[in-house]
C-alpha cells in the first residue's frame, strides 16, 4: 500500500468486518453467507492483493477519464436525438431522455478492464451464487463512486447527518422522479418486501488507505434487511437523516469488498481525511431480475440500456463473460450450465416417474401445512 504524507492515525484502525470469519475453504464461504443472511452484509478481505491495489486504482482513474470523454460524445448524440424527436424543444440539463432502442450507453466496465477481472474472484463469485443463483449477472458497474475528502471543517450536526436508504430494487425513491420528468423513475419492489435477497450491492475499496470511520466507511444498520419498513417509506415514520440505534461504520483493508443485501439500511459517510478514497460499485443479481428499469446518471439518462463492445467482450476471461453476456454487443444470453443441469435433474432424475407417463406414485405421505393469514 502506498505511503502518503500527513496521514492521521485514525486512518489505521485495526478492526475489519472480516474479522472472526475463518480464512480458507468452505468455512470461509459459509462465514460470509451467514453474515449476509443474519446481518445483511459482509466484507471479503483483500480480494485485490495488497501489492496490486495501487495499480488497479490508477487504472480506474484512467478509465474514469476515458469514460468522461465517451459520455460527452454520447450526450451529444442524445441531444441530437432529442432535437429530431421535438425540434421546438429547448434542450436543458434535465431534458435529455434515455436513448431509444437500438441506441445504448457504454458500460463503465468497457473502459476498466484491469479492474474487471477481479469481479470473478472465486470467493466473491461463490458467495454471490450461493446467495442469489448459479446464473448471476453484473447489473450495475459504476467506477466514479469515490469518497472525496472534506474541503472544510465539519460541524457536529454535519457528522450526525445520515442519508439512510436501501439499494435498487428496494430503493423506493428510485432516482427521484418529479412531475415534469416522471420518466426518470426506474421503479422498485413494492412494500411489504418479500423475504428474498434479490441482489447484492458491492463496494470495492481501492485505497490508497484502508477504509475506516474517519475516512468515510459506510454506515449500516445490522439486521435491517429483515425489517418490513424502509428508511424512505412514506408511512414508516423514519427520519432518513437521523442516526439509528445499532448503526456502525464499515472498516476494511484496501483491496477488500463490502457486500450487502440490497434491502439493508445504509448511508454514505463523510470522508474527514485529506485524501480521496477510491471505490467502485457493482451489483450482482440473478438472471431473473430485470435490469431494464434500473437507473444510472452517467450522461443524463435513467436507464440500463447499456452495452459492452464486441472487441472488449472478446478480451474478457470466460468467467467474466458470463457476468456481462447479457450486455455484450451481438451476443445472445442463455441460462448458464449449472441451471440447465438442475433443470434436467428436476425433470428426469428426481422425478423418474415423469419418464413413465402411465405410472402414478403415492402422495399419501404429503402433509400440507396450515394456509391461513398467519403463515
Protein backbone atom coordinates (compact mmCIF):
# COMPACT_ATOMS: atom_id res chain seq x y z
CA UNK A 1 0.00 0.00 0.00
CA UNK A 2 1.35 3.46 -0.86
CA UNK A 3 2.66 5.63 1.96
CA UNK A 4 1.16 9.10 1.90
CA UNK A 5 2.36 12.08 3.94
CA UNK A 6 0.38 13.70 6.74
CA UNK A 7 -1.89 10.77 7.42
CA UNK A 8 -4.00 10.87 10.56
CA UNK A 9 -3.56 7.90 12.92
CA UNK A 10 -7.33 7.47 12.92
CA UNK A 11 -6.98 6.13 9.39
CA UNK A 12 -5.35 2.97 10.71
CA UNK A 13 -7.97 1.25 12.86
CA UNK A 14 -7.25 -2.50 13.09
CA UNK A 15 -10.85 -3.77 13.10
CA UNK A 16 -12.49 -5.08 9.94
CA UNK A 17 -15.91 -6.59 9.31
CA UNK A 18 -13.98 -9.61 8.04
CA UNK A 19 -12.51 -10.23 11.49
CA UNK A 20 -13.61 -13.53 13.02
CA UNK A 21 -14.50 -15.29 9.77
CA UNK A 22 -12.14 -18.25 9.24
CA UNK A 23 -9.98 -17.94 6.15
CA UNK A 24 -9.78 -20.70 3.59
CA UNK A 25 -12.05 -23.39 2.23
CA UNK A 26 -15.76 -23.94 2.77
CA UNK A 27 -15.74 -22.41 6.27
CA UNK A 28 -14.78 -19.02 4.87
CA UNK A 29 -17.58 -19.02 2.28
CA UNK A 30 -20.07 -20.22 4.89
CA UNK A 31 -18.97 -17.38 7.18
CA UNK A 32 -19.66 -14.73 4.55
CA UNK A 33 -23.01 -16.25 3.62
CA UNK A 34 -24.07 -16.49 7.27
CA UNK A 35 -23.10 -12.87 7.84
CA UNK A 36 -25.14 -11.78 4.82
CA UNK A 37 -28.18 -13.77 5.90
CA UNK A 38 -28.11 -12.68 9.56
CA UNK A 39 -26.54 -9.22 9.49
CA UNK A 40 -27.28 -8.29 5.87
CA UNK A 41 -23.67 -7.64 4.87
CA UNK A 42 -20.10 -8.93 4.99
CA UNK A 43 -16.57 -7.93 3.98
CA UNK A 44 -14.32 -10.17 1.90
CA UNK A 45 -10.82 -9.00 2.66
CA UNK A 46 -8.07 -8.32 0.11
CA UNK A 47 -9.86 -9.60 -2.98
CA UNK A 48 -7.35 -7.40 -4.79
CA UNK A 49 -3.91 -8.33 -3.36
CA UNK A 50 -2.20 -5.61 -1.37
CA UNK A 51 0.61 -5.27 -3.92
CA UNK A 52 -1.85 -4.75 -6.79
CA UNK A 53 -4.21 -2.18 -5.25
CA UNK A 54 -2.27 0.89 -6.38
CA UNK A 55 -2.10 -0.27 -10.00
CA UNK A 56 -5.82 -1.13 -10.07
CA UNK A 57 -6.70 2.23 -8.54
CA UNK A 58 -4.68 4.12 -11.14
CA UNK A 59 -6.29 2.10 -13.92
CA UNK A 60 -9.73 3.07 -12.60
CA UNK A 61 -8.74 6.75 -12.53
CA UNK A 62 -7.62 6.48 -16.15
CA UNK A 63 -10.82 4.64 -17.04
CA UNK A 64 -12.90 7.40 -15.46
CA UNK A 65 -11.20 9.99 -17.64
CA UNK A 66 -11.82 7.95 -20.79
CA UNK A 67 -15.44 7.47 -19.82
CA UNK A 68 -15.88 11.20 -19.31
CA UNK A 69 -14.91 11.76 -22.94
CA UNK A 70 -17.16 8.90 -24.06
CA UNK A 71 -20.07 10.26 -22.02
CA UNK A 72 -19.83 13.67 -23.64
CA UNK A 73 -19.89 12.09 -27.08
CA UNK A 74 -22.89 10.01 -26.08
CA UNK A 75 -24.63 13.05 -24.63
CA UNK A 76 -24.11 14.97 -27.87
CA UNK A 77 -25.78 12.11 -29.74
CA UNK A 78 -28.67 12.09 -27.28
CA UNK A 79 -29.21 15.82 -27.70
CA UNK A 80 -29.36 15.35 -31.43
CA UNK A 81 -31.89 12.54 -31.00
CA UNK A 82 -33.97 14.80 -28.75
CA UNK A 83 -33.92 17.56 -31.34
CA UNK A 84 -35.03 15.11 -34.01
CA UNK A 85 -37.87 13.98 -31.76
CA UNK A 86 -39.02 17.52 -30.96
CA UNK A 87 -37.32 20.30 -32.98
CA UNK A 88 -39.04 23.04 -30.97
CA UNK A 89 -37.94 21.92 -27.51
CA UNK A 90 -35.26 23.85 -25.64
CA UNK A 91 -32.60 21.35 -24.59
CA UNK A 92 -31.80 21.78 -20.91
CA UNK A 93 -29.70 19.89 -18.39
CA UNK A 94 -32.58 17.65 -17.34
CA UNK A 95 -34.46 17.23 -20.59
CA UNK A 96 -32.28 14.70 -22.38
CA UNK A 97 -34.19 11.46 -22.16
CA UNK A 98 -32.79 7.93 -22.35
CA UNK A 99 -31.83 6.89 -25.87
CA UNK A 100 -34.48 4.91 -27.75
CA UNK A 101 -33.61 1.43 -28.99
CA UNK A 102 -31.29 0.37 -30.51
CA UNK A 103 -29.13 3.16 -29.09
CA UNK A 104 -27.36 2.46 -25.81
CA UNK A 105 -24.77 3.77 -23.38
CA UNK A 106 -21.29 2.36 -22.99
CA UNK A 107 -20.90 0.30 -19.82
CA UNK A 108 -18.29 1.55 -17.36
CA UNK A 109 -16.63 -1.86 -17.43
CA UNK A 110 -15.65 -1.31 -21.08
CA UNK A 111 -13.02 1.22 -20.00
CA UNK A 112 -11.91 -0.61 -16.85
CA UNK A 113 -10.63 -3.98 -18.00
CA UNK A 114 -7.83 -4.17 -15.41
CA UNK A 115 -10.33 -3.94 -12.58
CA UNK A 116 -12.91 -6.11 -14.35
CA UNK A 117 -11.21 -9.48 -13.89
CA UNK A 118 -11.38 -9.19 -10.10
CA UNK A 119 -15.18 -9.37 -10.32
CA UNK A 120 -14.83 -13.14 -10.77
CA UNK A 121 -12.50 -13.68 -7.81
CA UNK A 122 -13.56 -17.16 -6.57
CA UNK A 123 -14.68 -16.12 -3.09
CA UNK A 124 -16.80 -13.22 -4.35
CA UNK A 125 -18.39 -15.26 -7.09
CA UNK A 126 -19.15 -18.23 -4.83
CA UNK A 127 -20.85 -16.02 -2.26
CA UNK A 128 -22.88 -14.25 -4.96
CA UNK A 129 -24.02 -17.53 -6.50
CA UNK A 130 -24.89 -19.03 -3.11
CA UNK A 131 -26.98 -16.02 -2.13
CA UNK A 132 -28.64 -15.42 -5.50
CA UNK A 133 -28.47 -18.08 -8.21
CA UNK A 134 -25.81 -20.04 -10.11
CA UNK A 135 -26.54 -17.75 -13.07
CA UNK A 136 -25.58 -14.31 -11.77
CA UNK A 137 -25.07 -11.14 -13.74
CA UNK A 138 -23.49 -7.78 -13.02
CA UNK A 139 -26.30 -5.28 -13.50
CA UNK A 140 -24.50 -2.16 -12.34
CA UNK A 141 -20.91 -1.03 -12.77
CA UNK A 142 -20.07 2.47 -11.55
CA UNK A 143 -16.42 3.43 -11.26
CA UNK A 144 -16.97 7.01 -10.13
CA UNK A 145 -18.11 6.25 -6.58
CA UNK A 146 -15.16 7.63 -4.64
CA UNK A 147 -15.42 9.33 -1.27
CA UNK A 148 -13.94 12.79 -1.68
CA UNK A 149 -12.11 14.46 1.18
CA UNK A 150 -13.97 17.18 3.06
CA UNK A 151 -12.83 20.65 1.99
CA UNK A 152 -13.55 22.34 5.31
CA UNK A 153 -14.01 21.60 8.99
CA UNK A 154 -17.25 19.78 9.76
CA UNK A 155 -19.74 20.61 12.48
CA UNK A 156 -21.15 18.06 14.90
CA UNK A 157 -24.52 18.36 13.14
CA UNK A 158 -22.91 17.55 9.79
CA UNK A 159 -21.22 14.49 11.23
CA UNK A 160 -24.53 13.28 12.69
CA UNK A 161 -26.40 13.66 9.42
CA UNK A 162 -27.28 10.42 7.60
CA UNK A 163 -28.82 9.56 4.27
CA UNK A 164 -30.47 6.22 5.04
CA UNK A 165 -31.75 4.20 2.10
CA UNK A 166 -31.89 0.73 0.59
CA UNK A 167 -30.48 -0.06 -2.84
CA UNK A 168 -32.38 -0.86 -6.01
CA UNK A 169 -34.65 -2.81 -6.42
CA UNK A 170 -35.64 -1.86 -2.86
CA UNK A 171 -34.92 1.87 -3.18
CA UNK A 172 -38.39 3.44 -3.07
CA UNK A 173 -37.24 6.81 -4.41
CA UNK A 174 -35.68 5.17 -7.48
CA UNK A 175 -33.61 8.15 -8.60
CA UNK A 176 -36.05 10.94 -7.91
CA UNK A 177 -38.90 11.33 -10.39
CA UNK A 178 -40.70 14.65 -10.50
CA UNK A 179 -43.93 15.94 -12.09
CA UNK A 180 -42.05 17.43 -15.04
CA UNK A 181 -39.94 14.35 -15.70
CA UNK A 182 -41.83 11.28 -14.44
CA UNK A 183 -39.88 9.04 -16.81
CA UNK A 184 -36.85 9.39 -14.54
CA UNK A 185 -38.45 6.96 -12.08
CA UNK A 186 -37.00 3.46 -12.62
CA UNK A 187 -39.30 1.51 -10.32
CA UNK A 188 -38.84 -0.53 -7.15
CA UNK A 189 -40.18 -3.57 -5.33
CA UNK A 190 -43.42 -2.68 -3.58
CA UNK A 191 -43.78 -2.89 0.17
CA UNK A 192 -44.14 -5.15 2.03
CA UNK A 193 -40.90 -6.60 0.68
CA UNK A 194 -40.72 -10.39 0.25
CA UNK A 195 -38.08 -12.04 2.42
CA UNK A 196 -35.77 -12.72 -0.52
CA UNK A 197 -32.27 -11.46 -1.27
CA UNK A 198 -32.77 -10.12 -4.79
CA UNK A 199 -29.38 -8.55 -5.40
CA UNK A 200 -26.03 -7.85 -3.75
CA UNK A 201 -24.52 -4.39 -3.87
CA UNK A 202 -20.73 -4.48 -3.61
CA UNK A 203 -18.31 -1.66 -2.86
CA UNK A 204 -14.74 -2.28 -3.97
CA UNK A 205 -12.31 -0.34 -1.79
CA UNK A 206 -9.29 0.71 -3.86
CA UNK A 207 -7.38 2.83 -1.35
CA UNK A 208 -4.96 4.46 -1.13
CA UNK A 209 -5.67 3.81 2.54
CA UNK A 210 -7.74 1.30 4.45
CA UNK A 211 -11.40 2.12 5.00
CA UNK A 212 -12.25 3.42 8.47
CA UNK A 213 -14.99 5.51 10.08
CA UNK A 214 -12.68 8.53 9.84
CA UNK A 215 -12.36 8.44 6.04
CA UNK A 216 -15.95 7.59 5.22
CA UNK A 217 -16.71 3.94 5.95
CA UNK A 218 -20.32 3.20 5.05
CA UNK A 219 -22.93 3.45 7.81
CA UNK A 220 -25.03 0.26 8.16
CA UNK A 221 -27.82 -0.96 10.45
CA UNK A 222 -27.28 -4.69 11.13
CA UNK A 223 -30.33 -6.86 10.54
CA UNK A 224 -32.36 -4.12 8.89
CA UNK A 225 -32.73 -6.22 5.73
CA UNK A 226 -35.28 -8.26 7.69
CA UNK A 227 -37.28 -5.20 8.78
CA UNK A 228 -40.58 -4.67 6.95
CA UNK A 229 -40.07 -0.92 7.00
CA UNK A 230 -37.91 1.19 4.72
CA UNK A 231 -35.98 4.31 5.74
CA UNK A 232 -37.67 6.20 2.90
CA UNK A 233 -41.05 4.54 3.29
CA UNK A 234 -43.70 7.30 3.23
CA UNK A 235 -45.69 5.62 6.03
CA UNK A 236 -42.84 4.12 8.05
CA UNK A 237 -42.08 7.08 10.33
CA UNK A 238 -38.29 7.02 9.88
CA UNK A 239 -36.19 10.18 9.64
CA UNK A 240 -33.70 9.21 6.95
CA UNK A 241 -31.33 11.99 8.11
CA UNK A 242 -31.02 10.96 11.77
CA UNK A 243 -28.79 8.34 13.44
CA UNK A 244 -30.42 4.95 14.15
CA UNK A 245 -29.71 2.81 17.25
CA UNK A 246 -27.32 -0.01 16.46
CA UNK A 247 -25.71 1.74 13.49
CA UNK A 248 -21.98 1.46 12.89
CA UNK A 249 -19.43 2.09 10.16
CA UNK A 250 -17.54 -0.29 7.92
CA UNK A 251 -13.79 -0.79 8.31
CA UNK A 252 -11.73 -2.89 5.91
CA UNK A 253 -8.28 -3.11 4.33
CA UNK A 254 -7.79 -1.54 0.91
CA UNK A 255 -8.48 -4.12 -1.78
CA UNK A 256 -11.43 -5.56 0.14
CA UNK A 257 -15.07 -5.84 -0.99
CA UNK A 258 -18.07 -4.83 1.09
CA UNK A 259 -21.12 -6.90 0.10
CA UNK A 260 -24.67 -6.06 1.20
CA UNK A 261 -28.18 -7.33 0.65
CA UNK A 262 -29.91 -4.53 -1.26
CA UNK A 263 -32.57 -4.36 1.47
CA UNK A 264 -30.09 -3.29 4.17
CA UNK A 265 -30.41 0.24 5.53
CA UNK A 266 -27.19 2.11 4.86
CA UNK A 267 -25.83 5.60 4.38
CA UNK A 268 -22.80 7.29 2.95
CA UNK A 269 -20.39 8.90 5.40
CA UNK A 270 -18.17 11.96 5.32
CA UNK A 271 -14.51 11.49 4.46
CA UNK A 272 -12.68 13.54 7.09
CA UNK A 273 -9.21 12.65 5.81
CA UNK A 274 -7.09 14.63 3.36
CA UNK A 275 -7.33 12.10 0.54
CA UNK A 276 -9.91 10.80 -1.90
CA UNK A 277 -10.82 7.19 -1.14
CA UNK A 278 -11.41 5.46 -4.46
CA UNK A 279 -14.26 2.99 -4.79
CA UNK A 280 -16.16 1.09 -7.46
CA UNK A 281 -19.76 -0.08 -7.02
CA UNK A 282 -21.06 -3.23 -8.74
CA UNK A 283 -24.39 -5.01 -8.34
CA UNK A 284 -24.65 -8.79 -8.65
CA UNK A 285 -28.14 -10.05 -9.48
CA UNK A 286 -29.79 -13.31 -10.54
CA UNK A 287 -30.67 -13.75 -14.20
CA UNK A 288 -34.39 -13.39 -13.49
CA UNK A 289 -34.16 -9.83 -12.11
CA UNK A 290 -34.75 -7.41 -14.97
CA UNK A 291 -32.27 -4.56 -15.12
CA UNK A 292 -34.08 -2.64 -17.85
CA UNK A 293 -35.72 -0.29 -15.36
CA UNK A 294 -32.61 0.33 -13.28
CA UNK A 295 -31.30 3.90 -13.33
CA UNK A 296 -27.89 5.46 -13.86
CA UNK A 297 -26.91 9.07 -14.01
CA UNK A 298 -23.84 8.98 -16.24
CA UNK A 299 -24.89 11.16 -19.13
CA UNK A 300 -28.27 12.46 -18.13
CA UNK A 301 -30.13 9.21 -18.63
CA UNK A 302 -32.07 6.97 -16.30
CA UNK A 303 -31.91 3.59 -17.92
CA UNK A 304 -29.76 0.47 -18.03
CA UNK A 305 -29.81 0.24 -21.80
CA UNK A 306 -26.06 -0.30 -21.80
CA UNK A 307 -23.62 -2.40 -23.79
CA UNK A 308 -20.12 -3.86 -23.81
CA UNK A 309 -18.43 -3.54 -27.24
CA UNK A 310 -17.57 -6.76 -29.06
CA UNK A 311 -13.83 -6.11 -29.04
CA UNK A 312 -13.81 -5.51 -25.28
CA UNK A 313 -16.00 -8.51 -24.51
CA UNK A 314 -13.68 -10.75 -26.56
CA UNK A 315 -10.82 -9.88 -24.20
CA UNK A 316 -12.76 -10.87 -21.08
CA UNK A 317 -11.99 -14.20 -19.44
CA UNK A 318 -14.69 -16.88 -19.93
CA UNK A 319 -15.82 -16.42 -16.31
CA UNK A 320 -16.16 -12.66 -16.71
CA UNK A 321 -18.02 -13.07 -19.99
CA UNK A 322 -20.74 -14.96 -18.12
CA UNK A 323 -21.34 -11.89 -15.92
CA UNK A 324 -21.65 -9.46 -18.85
CA UNK A 325 -23.01 -11.65 -21.63
CA UNK A 326 -26.46 -10.03 -21.30
CA UNK A 327 -24.89 -6.65 -22.18
CA UNK A 328 -22.42 -7.85 -24.80
CA UNK A 329 -22.83 -6.43 -28.28
CA UNK A 330 -24.16 -9.08 -30.65
CA UNK A 331 -24.20 -11.89 -28.06
CA UNK A 332 -27.23 -13.97 -27.08
CA UNK A 333 -27.51 -14.72 -23.37
CA UNK A 334 -28.70 -18.18 -22.32
CA UNK A 335 -29.05 -19.90 -18.97
CA UNK A 336 -25.70 -20.96 -17.60
CA UNK A 337 -24.81 -24.68 -17.49
CA UNK A 338 -25.45 -25.23 -13.78
CA UNK A 339 -29.04 -24.03 -14.14
CA UNK A 340 -29.52 -26.33 -17.13
CA UNK A 341 -28.11 -29.26 -15.15
CA UNK A 342 -30.51 -28.65 -12.27
CA UNK A 343 -33.43 -28.41 -14.67
CA UNK A 344 -32.54 -31.78 -16.16
CA UNK A 345 -32.30 -33.32 -12.69
CA UNK A 346 -35.68 -31.91 -11.68
CA UNK A 347 -37.25 -33.21 -14.87
CA UNK A 348 -35.72 -36.67 -15.19
CA UNK A 349 -33.70 -37.67 -12.12
CA UNK A 350 -35.55 -36.52 -9.02
CA UNK A 351 -38.90 -37.38 -10.67
CA UNK A 352 -38.21 -40.59 -12.63
CA UNK A 353 -41.93 -41.28 -12.92
CA UNK A 354 -42.12 -38.48 -15.48
CA UNK A 355 -40.34 -40.82 -17.86
CA UNK A 356 -43.20 -43.30 -17.38
CA UNK A 357 -46.37 -41.26 -18.06
CA UNK A 358 -48.71 -44.20 -17.35
CA UNK A 359 -47.30 -44.80 -13.88
CA UNK A 360 -48.57 -42.87 -10.86
CA UNK A 361 -46.97 -42.66 -7.44
CA UNK A 362 -48.47 -42.37 -3.96
CA UNK A 363 -48.68 -38.92 -2.33
CA UNK A 364 -50.35 -40.08 0.89
CA UNK A 365 -47.23 -39.09 2.85
CA UNK A 366 -47.56 -35.43 1.82
CA UNK A 367 -48.98 -33.16 4.53
CA UNK A 368 -49.73 -29.59 3.52
CA UNK A 369 -49.15 -27.09 6.28
CA UNK A 370 -51.81 -24.66 7.51
CA UNK A 371 -52.59 -22.00 4.95
CA UNK A 372 -54.09 -19.09 6.83
CA UNK A 373 -53.23 -15.42 7.21
CA UNK A 374 -50.67 -16.12 9.94
CA UNK A 375 -48.40 -18.19 7.67
